[in-house]
Amino acid sequence: MSQHAAPAGVPATGGGRIRTPLPFPTAARSAVADDQLRANLHRATRTIRGKRARVVDEVPDWAALRDAGAAIKADVQRRLPELLERFEAAATAAGTRVHWARDAAEACRIVVELTRAAGTDEVVKVKSMATQEIELNEALAAAGIAAHETDLAELIVQLGDDTPSHILVPAIHYNRAQIRDIFRRRMADAPADLGAEPRELAEAARQHLRRRFLEARVAVSGANFAVADTGTLVVVESEGNGRMCLTLPQTLISVVGVEKLVPSFADLEVFLQLLPRSSTGERMNPYTSMWTGVTPGDGPQEVHVVLVDNGRSAVLADPVGRSALSCIRCSACLNVCPVYERAGGHAYGSVYPGPIGAILSPQLTGVADNASLPYASTLCGACADVCPVKIDIPEILVHLRQQAPHAAAERTAMRTLSWLMRSPRRWALALRVARRAAGPLGTWRQRRAGARTLRRLPWPASAWTRSRDAPLPAPQTFREWWEKQ
């Protein structure tokens, strides 16, 4: 494994901090912004869901493909050390230099060092959630290196000094007028009379990025998949910016989470069917780029791969939570999640929003640091139904809730309830006592509000009724009704 000293200007702690989640909904957003966000999310997720459903229905063996994808990912998790060594050997033989990064700080130091060695203070980037996770842009800026995002949505977010709110469509929280204003304000070569039509905005971005591509000496990419047998990396995208980043610069640095491995080239056949259908609702991605090492006289002549752990080994050690590492970043779970559609991606305070973020972020950085995320779910199971690699997200959410820190009063209450529920006799007696105690109050609330609920409870139960009503015991239990029938 390579060892890298921290160059001047790079903090020793590096990146990798997943921000503390904000309350649901985010207090800092205005009511108008909240309404726009929900409207955008509703339109986009409904459109993507519809497209996905149509192209999935075209595949007669979709269930078998999901089984195959899940099995391949499970096999990778069982044999990860062996596959990583196989990838390193194959990639090195093809001319790639492989670097190992235990955490975000080490990964950032490696990329900064390689960029400086190339003699440049600018890099172009193709969209990579791994680089967002380790906060690479911030580390490069601290070292005096400018990172230019080339994905259109990522460019909008970067110029707006913002963070992505969706895995697939990171700038979904903006409207066209806001994007126009951002381009006019932050893009020096944008036309003075730039309008808000999508074609005008896309053309302005195209002209702006073309110069970046032609001048760049170093590119930084991620990878959707890394093939252990051949040392091949794969990037799928829809705009062509990835193809430009991967072919024009002299030096290519790919930052890859260790979980992105697949054993063989043949395994790509499964994922290149699962990913586009689940992600964009397309039969195949417009651009699928693969590269293996260095080809003299063609493409980058220095190719580096930074294999990043950054908490993944700890996730792998959890037999329940490890399946979160199977995620192929398709965003299908976000597009069906009622909590995400209501709150938006920023509310998760994490690089990984939505249901997958609710199980992945707590495991990567510690459940205590992201204690609210496992609760950002109704446990409806829609995410598990659409996941192309069959991650049981609700099961992992419940698992993480058990690990989250709980107040002493809550632990005492849960232990008491557990003791009551273990005995049918104790539980039936507790229900009778609760029903009789709340009987007059329940009748009064039924007449006054049309429901047996309380809108306000005294502290500490007021934390519950701050955002929901508290139900009162039903006049009759199911067991009592069943006995009478």
Protein backbone atom coordinates (compact mmCIF):
# COMPACT_ATOMS: atom_id res chain seq x y z
CA MET A 1 0.00 0.00 0.00
CA SER A 2 1.23 3.47 -0.81
CA GLN A 3 1.98 5.90 2.01
CA HIS A 4 1.54 9.60 1.34
CA ALA A 5 2.61 12.51 3.52
CA ALA A 6 0.26 15.48 3.79
CA PRO A 7 1.42 18.26 1.44
CA ALA A 8 1.46 21.84 2.61
CA GLY A 9 -1.92 23.48 2.66
CA VAL A 10 -3.96 20.30 3.19
CA PRO A 11 -5.52 19.81 6.64
CA ALA A 12 -4.36 16.61 8.28
CA THR A 13 -7.94 15.62 9.02
CA GLY A 14 -9.01 15.95 5.40
CA GLY A 15 -12.63 15.49 4.37
CA GLY A 16 -15.14 12.76 4.87
CA ARG A 17 -17.43 14.49 7.36
CA ILE A 18 -21.05 13.77 6.61
CA ARG A 19 -22.98 16.76 7.82
CA THR A 20 -25.40 16.56 10.72
CA PRO A 21 -28.94 16.13 9.43
CA LEU A 22 -31.26 19.08 9.67
CA PRO A 23 -34.80 18.91 11.05
CA PHE A 24 -37.58 17.81 8.71
CA PRO A 25 -38.37 20.08 6.91
CA THR A 26 -35.30 22.33 6.82
CA ALA A 27 -35.92 25.41 8.91
CA ALA A 28 -33.66 27.60 6.76
CA ARG A 29 -35.81 27.23 3.65
CA SER A 30 -38.63 29.63 2.96
CA ALA A 31 -42.19 28.43 2.46
CA VAL A 32 -41.94 29.37 -1.23
CA ALA A 33 -38.74 27.36 -1.64
CA ASP A 34 -40.34 24.40 0.13
CA ASP A 35 -43.34 24.50 -2.19
CA GLN A 36 -41.11 24.72 -5.28
CA LEU A 37 -38.93 21.86 -4.05
CA ARG A 38 -41.92 19.60 -3.43
CA ALA A 39 -43.44 20.48 -6.80
CA ASN A 40 -40.13 19.76 -8.58
CA LEU A 41 -39.65 16.52 -6.71
CA HIS A 42 -43.20 15.41 -7.36
CA ARG A 43 -42.93 16.05 -11.10
CA ALA A 44 -39.47 14.55 -11.51
CA THR A 45 -39.98 11.45 -9.39
CA ARG A 46 -43.37 10.76 -10.98
CA THR A 47 -41.84 11.06 -14.46
CA ILE A 48 -38.86 8.84 -13.62
CA ARG A 49 -41.08 6.28 -11.88
CA GLY A 50 -43.31 6.06 -14.94
CA LYS A 51 -40.38 5.63 -17.34
CA ARG A 52 -38.79 3.05 -15.07
CA ALA A 53 -41.98 1.03 -14.83
CA ARG A 54 -42.35 0.93 -18.63
CA VAL A 55 -38.80 -0.22 -19.40
CA VAL A 56 -38.76 -2.73 -16.54
CA ASP A 57 -41.97 -4.29 -17.84
CA GLU A 58 -40.20 -4.89 -21.16
CA VAL A 59 -37.72 -7.28 -19.51
CA PRO A 60 -39.24 -10.74 -18.98
CA ASP A 61 -36.45 -11.84 -16.66
CA TRP A 62 -36.27 -8.67 -14.52
CA ALA A 63 -36.71 -10.63 -11.28
CA ALA A 64 -33.89 -12.97 -12.30
CA LEU A 65 -31.66 -9.99 -13.14
CA ARG A 66 -32.28 -8.54 -9.67
CA ASP A 67 -31.43 -11.89 -8.11
CA ALA A 68 -28.24 -12.05 -10.15
CA GLY A 69 -27.22 -8.50 -9.21
CA ALA A 70 -27.82 -9.19 -5.52
CA ALA A 71 -25.88 -12.46 -5.71
CA ILE A 72 -22.89 -10.83 -7.43
CA LYS A 73 -22.74 -8.07 -4.84
CA ALA A 74 -23.03 -10.57 -1.99
CA ASP A 75 -20.17 -12.56 -3.50
CA VAL A 76 -18.04 -9.40 -3.71
CA GLN A 77 -18.65 -8.70 -0.03
CA ARG A 78 -17.62 -12.24 0.90
CA ARG A 79 -14.40 -12.10 -1.17
CA LEU A 80 -13.55 -8.40 -1.09
CA PRO A 81 -9.89 -8.65 0.06
CA GLU A 82 -9.14 -11.27 -2.60
CA LEU A 83 -10.89 -9.26 -5.33
CA LEU A 84 -9.12 -6.04 -4.38
CA GLU A 85 -5.74 -7.72 -4.73
CA ARG A 86 -6.80 -9.22 -8.06
CA PHE A 87 -7.91 -5.78 -9.29
CA GLU A 88 -4.64 -4.19 -8.20
CA ALA A 89 -2.59 -6.84 -10.02
CA ALA A 90 -4.61 -6.57 -13.26
CA ALA A 91 -4.70 -2.76 -13.23
CA THR A 92 -0.99 -2.47 -12.49
CA ALA A 93 -0.17 -4.87 -15.32
CA ALA A 94 -2.14 -2.61 -17.67
CA GLY A 95 -0.18 0.50 -16.63
CA THR A 96 -2.41 1.91 -13.90
CA ARG A 97 -0.93 3.06 -10.60
CA VAL A 98 -3.12 1.86 -7.73
CA HIS A 99 -3.19 3.79 -4.45
CA TRP A 100 -4.89 2.72 -1.23
CA ALA A 101 -6.67 5.20 1.05
CA ARG A 102 -7.85 4.14 4.47
CA ASP A 103 -9.95 7.26 5.00
CA ALA A 104 -11.01 10.55 3.45
CA ALA A 105 -7.93 12.44 4.59
CA GLU A 106 -5.56 9.97 2.95
CA ALA A 107 -7.57 9.90 -0.28
CA CYS A 108 -7.53 13.70 -0.49
CA ARG A 109 -3.78 13.84 0.16
CA ILE A 110 -3.14 11.36 -2.65
CA VAL A 111 -5.20 13.32 -5.18
CA VAL A 112 -3.60 16.64 -4.18
CA GLU A 113 -0.14 15.12 -4.44
CA LEU A 114 -0.81 13.62 -7.88
CA THR A 115 -2.30 16.87 -9.16
CA ARG A 116 0.69 18.88 -8.01
CA ALA A 117 3.02 16.35 -9.58
CA ALA A 118 1.24 16.97 -12.90
CA GLY A 119 2.18 20.66 -12.61
CA THR A 120 -1.30 22.15 -12.65
CA ASP A 121 -3.61 23.99 -10.30
CA GLU A 122 -6.87 23.00 -12.02
CA VAL A 123 -8.74 19.73 -12.51
CA VAL A 124 -11.94 18.81 -14.32
CA LYS A 125 -14.25 16.33 -12.66
CA VAL A 126 -16.83 13.88 -13.85
CA LYS A 127 -19.60 13.40 -11.32
CA SER A 128 -18.50 11.20 -8.42
CA MET A 129 -20.30 10.75 -5.12
CA ALA A 130 -17.14 9.28 -3.60
CA THR A 131 -15.33 12.59 -4.09
CA GLN A 132 -18.26 14.40 -2.47
CA GLU A 133 -18.13 11.95 0.42
CA ILE A 134 -14.46 12.64 1.12
CA GLU A 135 -14.92 16.40 0.47
CA LEU A 136 -12.25 16.38 -2.22
CA ASN A 137 -13.21 19.76 -3.69
CA GLU A 138 -12.66 21.41 -0.34
CA ALA A 139 -9.30 19.69 0.11
CA LEU A 140 -8.19 20.73 -3.39
CA ALA A 141 -9.25 24.33 -2.74
CA ALA A 142 -7.27 24.35 0.50
CA ALA A 143 -4.23 23.29 -1.53
CA GLY A 144 -4.79 26.05 -4.11
CA ILE A 145 -6.24 23.73 -6.77
CA ALA A 146 -9.50 24.59 -8.53
CA ALA A 147 -11.89 21.71 -9.24
CA HIS A 148 -14.39 22.26 -12.06
CA GLU A 149 -17.51 20.08 -12.09
CA THR A 150 -18.51 19.12 -15.64
CA ASP A 151 -21.86 17.41 -15.10
CA LEU A 152 -24.45 20.10 -15.91
CA ALA A 153 -26.41 19.71 -12.69
CA GLU A 154 -23.24 19.48 -10.61
CA LEU A 155 -21.96 22.62 -12.34
CA ILE A 156 -25.16 24.46 -11.38
CA VAL A 157 -24.83 23.35 -7.78
CA GLN A 158 -21.14 24.28 -7.65
CA LEU A 159 -21.66 27.74 -9.13
CA GLY A 160 -24.54 28.27 -6.72
CA ASP A 161 -22.29 27.43 -3.72
CA ASP A 162 -24.78 24.70 -2.89
CA THR A 163 -24.84 20.94 -2.38
CA PRO A 164 -26.67 18.27 -4.43
CA SER A 165 -30.17 17.26 -3.37
CA HIS A 166 -30.61 14.07 -5.43
CA ILE A 167 -28.32 11.30 -6.64
CA LEU A 168 -29.54 11.39 -10.24
CA VAL A 169 -30.67 15.04 -10.61
CA PRO A 170 -28.55 17.00 -8.12
CA ALA A 171 -30.02 20.43 -9.03
CA ILE A 172 -33.66 19.40 -8.87
CA HIS A 173 -34.36 22.09 -6.27
CA TYR A 174 -33.69 24.90 -8.78
CA ASN A 175 -35.97 26.34 -11.44
CA ARG A 176 -34.84 27.69 -14.82
CA ALA A 177 -34.86 31.34 -13.76
CA GLN A 178 -32.62 30.57 -10.78
CA ILE A 179 -30.19 28.66 -13.00
CA ARG A 180 -30.07 31.57 -15.45
CA ASP A 181 -29.30 33.96 -12.59
CA ILE A 182 -26.54 31.68 -11.30
CA PHE A 183 -24.96 31.46 -14.75
CA ARG A 184 -25.12 35.21 -15.27
CA ARG A 185 -23.61 35.86 -11.85
CA ARG A 186 -20.92 33.18 -11.66
CA MET A 187 -20.12 32.07 -15.21
CA ALA A 188 -17.80 34.73 -16.65
CA ASP A 189 -18.32 33.71 -20.27
CA ALA A 190 -22.13 33.44 -20.09
CA PRO A 191 -23.97 35.68 -22.62
CA ALA A 192 -25.19 38.92 -21.08
CA ASP A 193 -28.66 38.34 -22.52
CA LEU A 194 -28.84 34.68 -21.45
CA GLY A 195 -32.45 33.55 -21.20
CA ALA A 196 -34.10 30.86 -19.11
CA GLU A 197 -34.89 28.42 -21.91
CA PRO A 198 -33.31 24.99 -21.34
CA ARG A 199 -31.59 25.02 -24.75
CA GLU A 200 -29.95 28.39 -24.02
CA LEU A 201 -28.81 27.32 -20.58
CA ALA A 202 -27.39 24.03 -21.88
CA GLU A 203 -25.55 25.81 -24.71
CA ALA A 204 -24.04 28.34 -22.29
CA ALA A 205 -22.79 25.49 -20.11
CA ARG A 206 -21.48 23.62 -23.16
CA GLN A 207 -19.43 26.58 -24.35
CA HIS A 208 -18.14 27.21 -20.84
CA LEU A 209 -17.10 23.60 -20.32
CA ARG A 210 -15.57 23.07 -23.75
CA ARG A 211 -12.68 25.38 -22.87
CA ARG A 212 -12.21 23.56 -19.57
CA PHE A 213 -12.01 20.21 -21.32
CA LEU A 214 -9.49 21.38 -23.91
CA GLU A 215 -7.21 23.06 -21.39
CA ALA A 216 -7.34 20.49 -18.59
CA ARG A 217 -4.21 18.49 -17.85
CA VAL A 218 -5.74 16.46 -15.00
CA ALA A 219 -9.18 14.90 -14.68
CA VAL A 220 -10.74 13.31 -11.61
CA SER A 221 -13.42 10.69 -12.04
CA GLY A 222 -15.33 8.18 -10.05
CA ALA A 223 -16.42 4.77 -11.27
CA ASN A 224 -19.70 2.94 -11.35
CA PHE A 225 -17.93 -0.41 -11.51
CA ALA A 226 -14.39 -1.77 -11.26
CA VAL A 227 -13.66 -5.20 -12.79
CA ALA A 228 -11.33 -7.31 -10.67
CA ASP A 229 -10.25 -9.71 -13.43
CA THR A 230 -9.16 -7.05 -15.92
CA GLY A 231 -8.48 -3.87 -13.91
CA THR A 232 -11.15 -2.10 -15.97
CA LEU A 233 -13.09 0.92 -14.70
CA VAL A 234 -16.58 1.82 -15.95
CA VAL A 235 -18.42 5.14 -15.92
CA VAL A 236 -21.98 5.53 -17.19
CA GLU A 237 -23.42 9.00 -17.87
CA SER A 238 -25.82 10.82 -20.13
CA GLU A 239 -24.17 14.07 -21.27
CA GLY A 240 -20.79 13.15 -22.73
CA ASN A 241 -18.87 15.19 -20.19
CA GLY A 242 -17.51 11.99 -18.72
CA ARG A 243 -16.17 10.86 -22.09
CA MET A 244 -14.36 14.22 -22.45
CA CYS A 245 -12.84 13.97 -18.97
CA LEU A 246 -11.75 10.40 -19.49
CA THR A 247 -10.02 10.90 -22.86
CA LEU A 248 -8.60 14.43 -23.21
CA PRO A 249 -6.42 15.15 -20.13
CA GLN A 250 -2.90 13.81 -19.79
CA THR A 251 -3.51 12.49 -16.28
CA LEU A 252 -6.62 10.67 -15.04
CA ILE A 253 -7.23 10.06 -11.35
CA SER A 254 -10.18 7.83 -10.43
CA VAL A 255 -11.46 7.82 -6.85
CA VAL A 256 -13.29 4.54 -6.29
CA GLY A 257 -14.97 3.09 -3.22
CA VAL A 258 -13.78 -0.46 -2.62
CA GLU A 259 -17.36 -1.76 -2.83
CA LYS A 260 -17.59 -0.87 -6.55
CA LEU A 261 -15.80 -4.07 -7.57
CA VAL A 262 -17.37 -6.81 -9.66
CA PRO A 263 -15.47 -10.08 -10.13
CA SER A 264 -15.49 -10.44 -13.91
CA PHE A 265 -16.18 -8.52 -17.10
CA ALA A 266 -19.19 -10.76 -17.75
CA ASP A 267 -20.83 -9.45 -14.56
CA LEU A 268 -21.22 -6.05 -16.21
CA GLU A 269 -23.89 -7.58 -18.45
CA VAL A 270 -26.19 -7.76 -15.43
CA PHE A 271 -25.55 -4.29 -14.04
CA LEU A 272 -25.62 -2.49 -17.38
CA GLN A 273 -29.22 -3.68 -17.67
CA LEU A 274 -30.21 -2.98 -14.06
CA LEU A 275 -28.66 0.46 -13.65
CA PRO A 276 -30.08 2.52 -16.55
CA ARG A 277 -33.58 1.12 -16.18
CA SER A 278 -33.63 1.78 -12.43
CA SER A 279 -31.90 5.15 -12.65
CA THR A 280 -33.11 7.13 -15.66
CA GLY A 281 -35.77 4.80 -17.02
CA GLU A 282 -33.66 4.12 -20.13
CA ARG A 283 -32.79 0.83 -21.78
CA MET A 284 -29.12 1.78 -21.82
CA ASN A 285 -27.01 4.76 -20.87
CA PRO A 286 -26.15 7.21 -23.66
CA TYR A 287 -22.46 7.01 -22.71
CA THR A 288 -20.82 3.94 -21.19
CA SER A 289 -17.05 4.46 -20.95
CA MET A 290 -14.56 1.73 -20.04
CA TRP A 291 -10.81 2.01 -19.73
CA THR A 292 -8.06 -0.34 -18.71
CA GLY A 293 -4.66 1.12 -17.91
CA VAL A 294 -2.64 3.18 -20.38
CA THR A 295 -2.64 2.96 -24.17
CA PRO A 296 0.46 4.68 -25.62
CA GLY A 297 -0.51 7.66 -27.74
CA ASP A 298 -4.23 7.36 -26.99
CA GLY A 299 -5.97 8.98 -24.03
CA PRO A 300 -4.40 9.76 -20.63
CA GLN A 301 -0.80 8.63 -20.34
CA GLU A 302 -0.88 8.58 -16.54
CA VAL A 303 -3.77 6.67 -15.01
CA HIS A 304 -4.25 6.43 -11.26
CA VAL A 305 -6.88 4.65 -9.18
CA VAL A 306 -7.40 5.60 -5.54
CA LEU A 307 -9.21 2.76 -3.76
CA VAL A 308 -11.05 4.29 -0.79
CA ASP A 309 -12.21 2.49 2.33
CA ASN A 310 -13.43 5.38 4.53
CA GLY A 311 -15.57 3.26 6.83
CA ARG A 312 -16.55 0.55 4.37
CA SER A 313 -14.63 -2.16 6.23
CA ALA A 314 -16.70 -1.39 9.33
CA VAL A 315 -19.90 -1.66 7.30
CA LEU A 316 -18.71 -4.96 5.86
CA ALA A 317 -18.25 -6.32 9.39
CA ASP A 318 -21.97 -5.91 10.14
CA PRO A 319 -23.83 -8.96 8.77
CA VAL A 320 -27.12 -7.03 8.65
CA GLY A 321 -25.93 -3.63 7.47
CA ARG A 322 -23.33 -4.77 4.92
CA SER A 323 -25.85 -5.16 2.11
CA ALA A 324 -25.96 -1.34 1.94
CA LEU A 325 -22.61 -1.67 0.14
CA SER A 326 -24.46 -3.39 -2.71
CA CYS A 327 -25.95 -0.05 -3.76
CA ILE A 328 -25.27 0.91 -7.38
CA ARG A 329 -26.40 4.56 -6.86
CA CYS A 330 -29.42 4.33 -9.16
CA SER A 331 -31.66 6.56 -6.97
CA ALA A 332 -34.74 4.36 -7.50
CA CYS A 333 -35.35 4.33 -3.75
CA LEU A 334 -35.42 8.13 -3.62
CA ASN A 335 -38.01 8.30 -6.38
CA VAL A 336 -40.55 6.21 -4.45
CA CYS A 337 -39.87 7.44 -0.91
CA PRO A 338 -42.68 9.56 0.60
CA VAL A 339 -40.30 11.07 3.17
CA TYR A 340 -37.75 12.13 0.55
CA GLU A 341 -40.45 13.60 -1.68
CA ARG A 342 -41.70 15.70 1.23
CA ALA A 343 -38.38 16.75 2.75
CA GLY A 344 -35.91 16.84 -0.15
CA GLY A 345 -32.31 15.75 -0.18
CA HIS A 346 -30.78 18.58 1.85
CA ALA A 347 -32.78 17.64 4.92
CA TYR A 348 -30.71 14.45 5.24
CA GLY A 349 -27.55 16.48 5.81
CA SER A 350 -25.62 13.81 3.94
CA VAL A 351 -23.93 13.24 0.59
CA TYR A 352 -26.23 10.24 0.26
CA PRO A 353 -29.88 11.35 0.59
CA GLY A 354 -33.06 9.32 0.65
CA PRO A 355 -33.52 5.77 1.92
CA ILE A 356 -30.03 4.63 0.87
CA GLY A 357 -28.50 7.60 2.68
CA ALA A 358 -30.52 6.77 5.78
CA ILE A 359 -28.75 3.40 6.02
CA LEU A 360 -25.36 4.16 4.43
CA SER A 361 -24.34 7.44 6.07
CA PRO A 362 -24.88 6.25 9.67
CA GLN A 363 -22.79 3.17 8.98
CA LEU A 364 -19.93 5.05 7.30
CA THR A 365 -19.52 7.71 9.99
CA GLY A 366 -21.21 6.24 13.04
CA VAL A 367 -24.84 5.89 14.04
CA ALA A 368 -24.38 8.34 16.92
CA ASP A 369 -23.37 11.10 14.47
CA ASN A 370 -26.42 10.46 12.26
CA ALA A 371 -28.90 9.25 14.85
CA SER A 372 -31.95 10.81 13.17
CA LEU A 373 -31.41 9.28 9.72
CA PRO A 374 -32.65 5.72 10.49
CA TYR A 375 -35.91 7.34 11.59
CA ALA A 376 -36.37 9.26 8.30
CA SER A 377 -38.64 6.54 6.98
CA THR A 378 -42.18 5.24 7.23
CA LEU A 379 -40.89 1.67 6.77
CA CYS A 380 -43.43 1.30 3.93
CA GLY A 381 -41.02 -0.96 2.01
CA ALA A 382 -41.37 0.77 -1.36
CA CYS A 383 -37.60 1.31 -1.49
CA ALA A 384 -36.90 -2.41 -1.10
CA ASP A 385 -39.46 -3.24 -3.79
CA VAL A 386 -37.70 -1.12 -6.44
CA CYS A 387 -34.06 -1.68 -5.44
CA PRO A 388 -32.39 -3.40 -8.41
CA VAL A 389 -30.01 -5.32 -6.13
CA LYS A 390 -32.68 -6.17 -3.54
CA ILE A 391 -31.28 -4.29 -0.54
CA ASP A 392 -33.73 -4.76 2.35
CA ILE A 393 -33.59 -1.12 3.41
CA PRO A 394 -36.40 -1.33 6.03
CA GLU A 395 -34.63 -4.22 7.77
CA ILE A 396 -31.40 -2.21 7.99
CA LEU A 397 -33.27 0.88 9.19
CA VAL A 398 -34.76 -1.08 12.08
CA HIS A 399 -31.34 -2.57 12.80
CA LEU A 400 -29.75 0.89 12.96
CA ARG A 401 -32.53 2.28 15.12
CA GLN A 402 -31.59 -0.29 17.72
CA GLN A 403 -28.01 1.01 17.66
CA ALA A 404 -28.91 4.69 17.85
CA PRO A 405 -28.43 6.47 21.20
CA HIS A 406 -31.62 6.71 23.28
CA ALA A 407 -32.44 8.80 26.33
CA ALA A 408 -32.64 7.00 29.68
CA ALA A 409 -36.38 7.67 29.93
CA GLU A 410 -36.95 6.20 26.49
CA ARG A 411 -34.90 3.09 27.30
CA THR A 412 -36.87 2.60 30.51
CA ALA A 413 -40.17 2.99 28.68
CA MET A 414 -39.15 0.50 25.99
CA ARG A 415 -37.99 -2.05 28.57
CA THR A 416 -41.31 -1.68 30.39
CA LEU A 417 -43.28 -2.15 27.19
CA SER A 418 -41.15 -5.15 26.29
CA TRP A 419 -41.90 -6.71 29.68
CA LEU A 420 -45.63 -6.09 29.22
CA MET A 421 -45.75 -7.43 25.67
CA ARG A 422 -43.90 -10.64 26.47
CA SER A 423 -46.92 -11.87 28.42
CA PRO A 424 -50.39 -11.96 26.77
CA ARG A 425 -51.99 -11.74 30.20
CA ARG A 426 -49.96 -8.68 31.26
CA TRP A 427 -50.57 -6.99 27.91
CA ALA A 428 -54.34 -7.58 28.02
CA LEU A 429 -54.49 -6.22 31.56
CA ALA A 430 -52.47 -3.12 30.59
CA LEU A 431 -54.83 -2.44 27.67
CA ARG A 432 -57.91 -2.72 29.92
CA VAL A 433 -56.42 -0.32 32.46
CA ALA A 434 -55.39 2.18 29.77
CA ARG A 435 -58.80 2.00 28.09
CA ARG A 436 -60.71 2.56 31.31
CA ALA A 437 -58.45 5.40 32.38
CA ALA A 438 -58.82 7.16 29.05
CA GLY A 439 -62.49 6.27 28.53
CA PRO A 440 -64.16 9.61 29.41
CA LEU A 441 -61.39 11.58 27.71
CA GLY A 442 -61.65 9.48 24.57
CA THR A 443 -65.42 9.90 24.39
CA TRP A 444 -65.07 13.67 24.82
CA ARG A 445 -62.40 13.92 22.09
CA GLN A 446 -64.47 11.74 19.76
CA ARG A 447 -67.41 14.15 20.09
CA ARG A 448 -65.27 17.30 19.89
CA ALA A 449 -62.72 16.39 17.20
CA GLY A 450 -64.23 13.35 15.51
CA ALA A 451 -61.26 11.20 16.53
CA ARG A 452 -59.87 9.67 19.69
CA THR A 453 -56.61 11.62 19.62
CA LEU A 454 -54.86 14.27 21.71
CA ARG A 455 -53.19 17.24 20.02
CA ARG A 456 -51.00 18.18 23.01
CA LEU A 457 -49.38 16.21 25.80
CA PRO A 458 -47.26 17.47 28.71
CA TRP A 459 -43.46 17.16 28.69
CA PRO A 460 -41.71 14.85 27.85
CA ALA A 461 -44.51 13.43 25.67
CA SER A 462 -44.87 16.90 24.12
CA ALA A 463 -41.98 15.94 21.80
CA TRP A 464 -44.36 13.45 20.18
CA THR A 465 -47.35 15.78 19.82
CA ARG A 466 -45.23 18.61 18.45
CA SER A 467 -45.64 17.11 14.98
CA ARG A 468 -48.40 14.49 15.32
CA ASP A 469 -51.50 13.62 17.34
CA ALA A 470 -51.36 10.99 20.09
CA PRO A 471 -54.00 8.25 19.70
CA LEU A 472 -56.05 7.21 22.70
CA PRO A 473 -56.85 3.54 23.36
CA ALA A 474 -59.63 2.09 21.20
CA PRO A 475 -62.96 1.34 22.95
CA GLN A 476 -62.53 -2.31 22.02
CA THR A 477 -59.45 -4.41 21.28
CA PHE A 478 -59.24 -6.78 18.34
CA ARG A 479 -59.08 -9.74 20.73
CA GLU A 480 -62.31 -8.64 22.43
CA TRP A 481 -64.02 -8.13 19.10
CA TRP A 482 -62.83 -11.57 17.93
CA GLU A 483 -64.13 -13.30 21.05
CA LYS A 484 -67.56 -11.73 20.60
CA GLN A 485 -67.74 -12.79 16.98
